[in-house]
PDB file of all heavy atoms in Angstrom:
ATOM      1  N   GLU A   1      48.859  43.412  -0.663  1.00  0.00           N
ATOM      2  CA  GLU A   1      50.301  43.593  -0.829  1.00  0.00           C
ATOM      3  C   GLU A   1      50.795  44.922  -0.419  1.00  0.00           C
ATOM      4  O   GLU A   1      51.833  45.110   0.251  1.00  0.00           O
ATOM      5  CB  GLU A   1      50.707  43.213  -2.234  1.00  0.00           C
ATOM      6  CG  GLU A   1      50.076  44.173  -3.315  1.00  0.00           C
ATOM      7  CD  GLU A   1      48.771  43.687  -3.798  1.00  0.00           C
ATOM      8  OE1 GLU A   1      48.137  42.818  -3.122  1.00  0.00           O
ATOM      9  OE2 GLU A   1      48.223  44.201  -4.813  1.00  0.00           O
ATOM     10  N   ASP A   2      49.997  45.971  -0.671  1.00  0.00           N
ATOM     11  CA  ASP A   2      50.368  47.363  -0.279  1.00  0.00           C
ATOM     12  C   ASP A   2      50.258  47.506   1.223  1.00  0.00           C
ATOM     13  O   ASP A   2      50.985  48.242   1.829  1.00  0.00           O
ATOM     14  CB  ASP A   2      49.482  48.377  -0.964  1.00  0.00           C
ATOM     15  CG  ASP A   2      49.721  48.387  -2.529  1.00  0.00           C
ATOM     16  OD1 ASP A   2      50.833  47.956  -2.926  1.00  0.00           O
ATOM     17  OD2 ASP A   2      48.891  48.844  -3.244  1.00  0.00           O
ATOM     18  N   ARG A   3      49.284  46.845   1.774  1.00  0.00           N
ATOM     19  CA  ARG A   3      49.033  46.976   3.235  1.00  0.00           C
ATOM     20  C   ARG A   3      50.277  46.433   3.989  1.00  0.00           C
ATOM     21  O   ARG A   3      50.724  46.999   4.968  1.00  0.00           O
ATOM     22  CB  ARG A   3      47.794  46.190   3.592  1.00  0.00           C
ATOM     23  CG  ARG A   3      47.301  46.517   4.982  1.00  0.00           C
ATOM     24  CD  ARG A   3      46.030  45.695   5.280  1.00  0.00           C
ATOM     25  NE  ARG A   3      45.075  45.738   4.168  1.00  0.00           N
ATOM     26  CZ  ARG A   3      44.544  44.704   3.603  1.00  0.00           C
ATOM     27  NH1 ARG A   3      44.898  43.502   3.973  1.00  0.00           N
ATOM     28  NH2 ARG A   3      43.696  44.847   2.617  1.00  0.00           N
ATOM     29  N   LEU A   4      50.763  45.233   3.576  1.00  0.00           N
ATOM     30  CA  LEU A   4      51.908  44.671   4.226  1.00  0.00           C
ATOM     31  C   LEU A   4      53.082  45.523   4.195  1.00  0.00           C
ATOM     32  O   LEU A   4      53.843  45.712   5.140  1.00  0.00           O
ATOM     33  CB  LEU A   4      52.216  43.301   3.599  1.00  0.00           C
ATOM     34  CG  LEU A   4      51.172  42.191   3.874  1.00  0.00           C
ATOM     35  CD1 LEU A   4      51.518  40.927   3.112  1.00  0.00           C
ATOM     36  CD2 LEU A   4      51.157  41.827   5.416  1.00  0.00           C
ATOM     37  N   ALA A   5      53.305  46.187   3.010  1.00  0.00           N
ATOM     38  CA  ALA A   5      54.441  47.083   2.856  1.00  0.00           C
ATOM     39  C   ALA A   5      54.315  48.335   3.727  1.00  0.00           C
ATOM     40  O   ALA A   5      55.277  48.736   4.332  1.00  0.00           O
ATOM     41  CB  ALA A   5      54.570  47.516   1.361  1.00  0.00           C
ATOM     42  N   MET A   6      53.043  48.862   3.826  1.00  0.00           N
ATOM     43  CA  MET A   6      52.849  49.966   4.715  1.00  0.00           C
ATOM     44  C   MET A   6      53.036  49.683   6.148  1.00  0.00           C
ATOM     45  O   MET A   6      53.677  50.375   6.898  1.00  0.00           O
ATOM     46  CB  MET A   6      51.408  50.525   4.498  1.00  0.00           C
ATOM     47  CG  MET A   6      51.204  51.837   5.123  1.00  0.00           C
ATOM     48  SD  MET A   6      49.578  52.507   4.642  1.00  0.00           S
ATOM     49  CE  MET A   6      49.465  54.043   5.565  1.00  0.00           C
ATOM     50  N   LEU A   7      52.586  48.455   6.626  1.00  0.00           N
ATOM     51  CA  LEU A   7      52.833  48.043   7.940  1.00  0.00           C
ATOM     52  C   LEU A   7      54.337  47.959   8.252  1.00  0.00           C
ATOM     53  O   LEU A   7      54.775  48.392   9.340  1.00  0.00           O
ATOM     54  CB  LEU A   7      52.158  46.699   8.210  1.00  0.00           C
ATOM     55  CG  LEU A   7      50.611  46.689   8.328  1.00  0.00           C
ATOM     56  CD1 LEU A   7      50.101  45.314   8.287  1.00  0.00           C
ATOM     57  CD2 LEU A   7      50.178  47.328   9.672  1.00  0.00           C
ATOM     58  N   ALA A   8      55.058  47.390   7.335  1.00  0.00           N
ATOM     59  CA  ALA A   8      56.505  47.277   7.540  1.00  0.00           C
ATOM     60  C   ALA A   8      57.130  48.632   7.631  1.00  0.00           C
ATOM     61  O   ALA A   8      58.055  48.825   8.521  1.00  0.00           O
ATOM     62  CB  ALA A   8      57.082  46.508   6.368  1.00  0.00           C
ATOM     63  N   ASP A   9      56.706  49.617   6.885  1.00  0.00           N
ATOM     64  CA  ASP A   9      57.244  50.948   6.951  1.00  0.00           C
ATOM     65  C   ASP A   9      57.111  51.538   8.378  1.00  0.00           C
ATOM     66  O   ASP A   9      57.899  52.345   8.794  1.00  0.00           O
ATOM     67  CB  ASP A   9      56.554  51.888   5.951  1.00  0.00           C
ATOM     68  CG  ASP A   9      56.948  51.522   4.478  1.00  0.00           C
ATOM     69  OD1 ASP A   9      57.984  50.875   4.348  1.00  0.00           O
ATOM     70  OD2 ASP A   9      56.235  51.996   3.627  1.00  0.00           O
ATOM     71  N   TYR A  10      56.027  51.161   9.026  1.00  0.00           N
ATOM     72  CA  TYR A  10      55.706  51.695  10.359  1.00  0.00           C
ATOM     73  C   TYR A  10      56.209  50.789  11.484  1.00  0.00           C
ATOM     74  O   TYR A  10      55.962  50.935  12.613  1.00  0.00           O
ATOM     75  CB  TYR A  10      54.216  51.936  10.518  1.00  0.00           C
ATOM     76  CG  TYR A  10      53.737  53.170   9.836  1.00  0.00           C
ATOM     77  CD1 TYR A  10      53.178  53.080   8.561  1.00  0.00           C
ATOM     78  CD2 TYR A  10      53.890  54.468  10.418  1.00  0.00           C
ATOM     79  CE1 TYR A  10      52.847  54.211   7.855  1.00  0.00           C
ATOM     80  CE2 TYR A  10      53.455  55.619   9.773  1.00  0.00           C
ATOM     81  CZ  TYR A  10      52.902  55.418   8.473  1.00  0.00           C
ATOM     82  OH  TYR A  10      52.465  56.571   7.797  1.00  0.00           O
ATOM     83  N   GLY A  11      56.948  49.684  11.144  1.00  0.00           N
ATOM     84  CA  GLY A  11      57.469  48.729  12.120  1.00  0.00           C
ATOM     85  C   GLY A  11      56.427  47.873  12.751  1.00  0.00           C
ATOM     86  O   GLY A  11      56.608  47.408  13.857  1.00  0.00           O
ATOM     87  N   MET A  12      55.277  47.655  12.055  1.00  0.00           N
ATOM     88  CA  MET A  12      54.180  46.878  12.539  1.00  0.00           C
ATOM     89  C   MET A  12      54.010  45.520  11.773  1.00  0.00           C
ATOM     90  O   MET A  12      54.401  45.502  10.629  1.00  0.00           O
ATOM     91  CB  MET A  12      52.815  47.713  12.391  1.00  0.00           C
ATOM     92  CG  MET A  12      52.901  49.042  13.109  1.00  0.00           C
ATOM     93  SD  MET A  12      51.515  50.081  12.629  1.00  0.00           S
ATOM     94  CE  MET A  12      50.063  49.168  13.229  1.00  0.00           C
ATOM     95  N   THR A  13      53.607  44.514  12.514  1.00  0.00           N
ATOM     96  CA  THR A  13      53.430  43.211  11.874  1.00  0.00           C
ATOM     97  C   THR A  13      51.973  42.931  11.490  1.00  0.00           C
ATOM     98  O   THR A  13      51.700  42.072  10.690  1.00  0.00           O
ATOM     99  CB  THR A  13      53.888  42.118  12.883  1.00  0.00           C
ATOM    100  OG1 THR A  13      53.158  42.156  14.069  1.00  0.00           O
ATOM    101  CG2 THR A  13      55.386  42.217  13.131  1.00  0.00           C
ATOM    102  N   GLU A  14      51.022  43.658  12.091  1.00  0.00           N
ATOM    103  CA  GLU A  14      49.620  43.545  11.751  1.00  0.00           C
ATOM    104  C   GLU A  14      48.919  44.818  12.105  1.00  0.00           C
ATOM    105  O   GLU A  14      49.440  45.661  12.864  1.00  0.00           O
ATOM    106  CB  GLU A  14      48.992  42.414  12.555  1.00  0.00           C
ATOM    107  CG  GLU A  14      48.908  42.660  14.072  1.00  0.00           C
ATOM    108  CD  GLU A  14      48.133  41.572  14.819  1.00  0.00           C
ATOM    109  OE1 GLU A  14      47.726  40.614  14.201  1.00  0.00           O
ATOM    110  OE2 GLU A  14      47.964  41.741  16.023  1.00  0.00           O
ATOM    111  N   PRO A  15      47.767  45.057  11.468  1.00  0.00           N
ATOM    112  CA  PRO A  15      46.991  46.309  11.805  1.00  0.00           C
ATOM    113  C   PRO A  15      46.665  46.275  13.364  1.00  0.00           C
ATOM    114  O   PRO A  15      46.353  45.227  13.871  1.00  0.00           O
ATOM    115  CB  PRO A  15      45.702  46.131  11.020  1.00  0.00           C
ATOM    116  CG  PRO A  15      46.085  45.296   9.868  1.00  0.00           C
ATOM    117  CD  PRO A  15      47.131  44.290  10.384  1.00  0.00           C
ATOM    118  N   ALA A  16      46.722  47.427  13.970  1.00  0.00           N
ATOM    119  CA  ALA A  16      46.452  47.520  15.432  1.00  0.00           C
ATOM    120  C   ALA A  16      44.989  47.118  15.714  1.00  0.00           C
ATOM    121  O   ALA A  16      44.762  46.688  16.866  1.00  0.00           O
ATOM    122  CB  ALA A  16      46.738  48.909  15.869  1.00  0.00           C
ATOM    123  N   LEU A  17      44.154  47.290  14.755  1.00  0.00           N
ATOM    124  CA  LEU A  17      42.753  46.923  15.040  1.00  0.00           C
ATOM    125  C   LEU A  17      42.563  45.432  15.322  1.00  0.00           C
ATOM    126  O   LEU A  17      41.661  45.074  16.138  1.00  0.00           O
ATOM    127  CB  LEU A  17      41.872  47.227  13.726  1.00  0.00           C
ATOM    128  CG  LEU A  17      41.717  48.714  13.445  1.00  0.00           C
ATOM    129  CD1 LEU A  17      40.776  48.852  12.235  1.00  0.00           C
ATOM    130  CD2 LEU A  17      41.162  49.503  14.587  1.00  0.00           C
ATOM    131  N   LEU A  18      43.416  44.552  14.793  1.00  0.00           N
ATOM    132  CA  LEU A  18      43.329  43.163  15.072  1.00  0.00           C
ATOM    133  C   LEU A  18      43.737  42.912  16.572  1.00  0.00           C
ATOM    134  O   LEU A  18      43.077  42.135  17.235  1.00  0.00           O
ATOM    135  CB  LEU A  18      44.204  42.396  14.180  1.00  0.00           C
ATOM    136  CG  LEU A  18      43.935  42.558  12.643  1.00  0.00           C
ATOM    137  CD1 LEU A  18      44.762  41.514  11.826  1.00  0.00           C
ATOM    138  CD2 LEU A  18      42.458  42.415  12.370  1.00  0.00           C
ATOM    139  N   ALA A  19      44.815  43.554  17.017  1.00  0.00           N
ATOM    140  CA  ALA A  19      45.196  43.450  18.398  1.00  0.00           C
ATOM    141  C   ALA A  19      44.104  43.986  19.344  1.00  0.00           C
ATOM    142  O   ALA A  19      43.848  43.431  20.416  1.00  0.00           O
ATOM    143  CB  ALA A  19      46.454  44.241  18.669  1.00  0.00           C
ATOM    144  N   LEU A  20      43.468  45.110  18.938  1.00  0.00           N
ATOM    145  CA  LEU A  20      42.371  45.655  19.703  1.00  0.00           C
ATOM    146  C   LEU A  20      41.186  44.707  19.795  1.00  0.00           C
ATOM    147  O   LEU A  20      40.630  44.564  20.915  1.00  0.00           O
ATOM    148  CB  LEU A  20      41.894  46.994  19.102  1.00  0.00           C
ATOM    149  CG  LEU A  20      40.723  47.664  19.736  1.00  0.00           C
ATOM    150  CD1 LEU A  20      41.011  47.971  21.211  1.00  0.00           C
ATOM    151  CD2 LEU A  20      40.409  48.934  18.990  1.00  0.00           C
ATOM    152  N   ALA A  21      40.851  44.028  18.698  1.00  0.00           N
ATOM    153  CA  ALA A  21      39.702  43.023  18.758  1.00  0.00           C
ATOM    154  C   ALA A  21      40.014  41.863  19.715  1.00  0.00           C
ATOM    155  O   ALA A  21      39.235  41.507  20.523  1.00  0.00           O
ATOM    156  CB  ALA A  21      39.418  42.512  17.362  1.00  0.00           C
ATOM    157  N   ARG A  22      41.269  41.409  19.612  1.00  0.00           N
ATOM    158  CA  ARG A  22      41.676  40.294  20.538  1.00  0.00           C
ATOM    159  C   ARG A  22      41.687  40.691  21.988  1.00  0.00           C
ATOM    160  O   ARG A  22      41.220  39.973  22.875  1.00  0.00           O
ATOM    161  CB  ARG A  22      43.047  39.764  20.165  1.00  0.00           C
ATOM    162  CG  ARG A  22      43.077  38.852  18.932  1.00  0.00           C
ATOM    163  CD  ARG A  22      44.389  38.091  18.764  1.00  0.00           C
ATOM    164  NE  ARG A  22      45.548  38.993  18.570  1.00  0.00           N
ATOM    165  CZ  ARG A  22      45.954  39.369  17.444  1.00  0.00           C
ATOM    166  NH1 ARG A  22      45.427  38.907  16.308  1.00  0.00           N
ATOM    167  NH2 ARG A  22      46.993  40.213  17.292  1.00  0.00           N
ATOM    168  N   GLU A  23      42.186  41.908  22.292  1.00  0.00           N
ATOM    169  CA  GLU A  23      42.287  42.362  23.687  1.00  0.00           C
ATOM    170  C   GLU A  23      40.863  42.709  24.194  1.00  0.00           C
ATOM    171  O   GLU A  23      40.671  42.387  25.419  1.00  0.00           O
ATOM    172  CB  GLU A  23      43.167  43.620  23.734  1.00  0.00           C
ATOM    173  CG  GLU A  23      43.594  44.006  25.153  1.00  0.00           C
ATOM    174  CD  GLU A  23      44.468  43.006  25.820  1.00  0.00           C
ATOM    175  OE1 GLU A  23      45.169  42.192  25.151  1.00  0.00           O
ATOM    176  OE2 GLU A  23      44.486  42.936  27.070  1.00  0.00           O
ATOM    177  N   SER A  24      40.010  43.155  23.370  1.00  0.00           N
ATOM    178  CA  SER A  24      38.599  43.450  23.792  1.00  0.00           C
ATOM    179  C   SER A  24      37.947  42.098  24.182  1.00  0.00           C
ATOM    180  O   SER A  24      37.180  42.017  25.169  1.00  0.00           O
ATOM    181  CB  SER A  24      37.848  44.099  22.684  1.00  0.00           C
ATOM    182  OG  SER A  24      38.445  45.317  22.311  1.00  0.00           O
ATOM    183  N   TYR A  25      38.180  41.076  23.405  1.00  0.00           N
ATOM    184  CA  TYR A  25      37.611  39.775  23.654  1.00  0.00           C
ATOM    185  C   TYR A  25      38.119  39.247  25.013  1.00  0.00           C
ATOM    186  O   TYR A  25      37.280  38.774  25.844  1.00  0.00           O
ATOM    187  CB  TYR A  25      38.127  38.820  22.509  1.00  0.00           C
ATOM    188  CG  TYR A  25      37.375  37.505  22.313  1.00  0.00           C
ATOM    189  CD1 TYR A  25      36.081  37.521  21.821  1.00  0.00           C
ATOM    190  CD2 TYR A  25      38.004  36.292  22.525  1.00  0.00           C
ATOM    191  CE1 TYR A  25      35.387  36.328  21.583  1.00  0.00           C
ATOM    192  CE2 TYR A  25      37.351  35.091  22.266  1.00  0.00           C
ATOM    193  CZ  TYR A  25      36.071  35.107  21.835  1.00  0.00           C
ATOM    194  OH  TYR A  25      35.399  33.907  21.578  1.00  0.00           O
ATOM    195  N   ARG A  26      39.376  39.380  25.265  1.00  0.00           N
ATOM    196  CA  ARG A  26      39.942  38.965  26.605  1.00  0.00           C
ATOM    197  C   ARG A  26      39.314  39.789  27.702  1.00  0.00           C
ATOM    198  O   ARG A  26      38.977  39.316  28.765  1.00  0.00           O
ATOM    199  CB  ARG A  26      41.456  39.145  26.568  1.00  0.00           C
ATOM    200  CG  ARG A  26      42.174  38.609  27.801  1.00  0.00           C
ATOM    201  CD  ARG A  26      43.511  39.264  27.959  1.00  0.00           C
ATOM    202  NE  ARG A  26      43.400  40.694  28.155  1.00  0.00           N
ATOM    203  CZ  ARG A  26      43.091  41.228  29.269  1.00  0.00           C
ATOM    204  NH1 ARG A  26      42.745  40.535  30.343  1.00  0.00           N
ATOM    205  NH2 ARG A  26      42.988  42.566  29.356  1.00  0.00           N
ATOM    206  N   LEU A  27      39.149  41.117  27.497  1.00  0.00           N
ATOM    207  CA  LEU A  27      38.640  41.948  28.555  1.00  0.00           C
ATOM    208  C   LEU A  27      37.198  41.560  29.000  1.00  0.00           C
ATOM    209  O   LEU A  27      36.901  41.664  30.118  1.00  0.00           O
ATOM    210  CB  LEU A  27      38.577  43.433  27.941  1.00  0.00           C
ATOM    211  CG  LEU A  27      38.108  44.527  28.901  1.00  0.00           C
ATOM    212  CD1 LEU A  27      39.140  44.827  29.962  1.00  0.00           C
ATOM    213  CD2 LEU A  27      37.719  45.777  28.099  1.00  0.00           C
ATOM    214  N   LEU A  28      36.488  41.065  28.040  1.00  0.00           N
ATOM    215  CA  LEU A  28      35.122  40.589  28.307  1.00  0.00           C
ATOM    216  C   LEU A  28      35.045  39.274  29.011  1.00  0.00           C
ATOM    217  O   LEU A  28      33.993  38.804  29.317  1.00  0.00           O
ATOM    218  CB  LEU A  28      34.271  40.578  27.008  1.00  0.00           C
ATOM    219  CG  LEU A  28      33.933  41.997  26.478  1.00  0.00           C
ATOM    220  CD1 LEU A  28      33.471  41.818  24.995  1.00  0.00           C
ATOM    221  CD2 LEU A  28      32.814  42.598  27.266  1.00  0.00           C
ATOM    222  N   GLY A  29      36.253  38.626  29.230  1.00  0.00           N
ATOM    223  CA  GLY A  29      36.276  37.399  29.854  1.00  0.00           C
ATOM    224  C   GLY A  29      35.769  36.262  28.999  1.00  0.00           C
ATOM    225  O   GLY A  29      35.162  35.252  29.446  1.00  0.00           O
ATOM    226  N   LEU A  30      36.010  36.420  27.649  1.00  0.00           N
ATOM    227  CA  LEU A  30      35.555  35.437  26.688  1.00  0.00           C
ATOM    228  C   LEU A  30      36.639  34.498  26.220  1.00  0.00           C
ATOM    229  O   LEU A  30      37.776  34.797  26.267  1.00  0.00           O
ATOM    230  CB  LEU A  30      34.906  36.117  25.483  1.00  0.00           C
ATOM    231  CG  LEU A  30      33.795  37.068  25.750  1.00  0.00           C
ATOM    232  CD1 LEU A  30      33.344  37.827  24.542  1.00  0.00           C
ATOM    233  CD2 LEU A  30      32.599  36.330  26.426  1.00  0.00           C
TER     234      LEU A  30
END
C-alpha cells in the first residue's frame, strides 16, 4: 500500500524495474 502511494507521488504507475525486465526480454528476442 505504501509502494503504490510512493509511485503515485512520482507520477509512476509501476516500478521501473518491471518495465526494465519486460524490455530486456524483448531485447533478447524472446
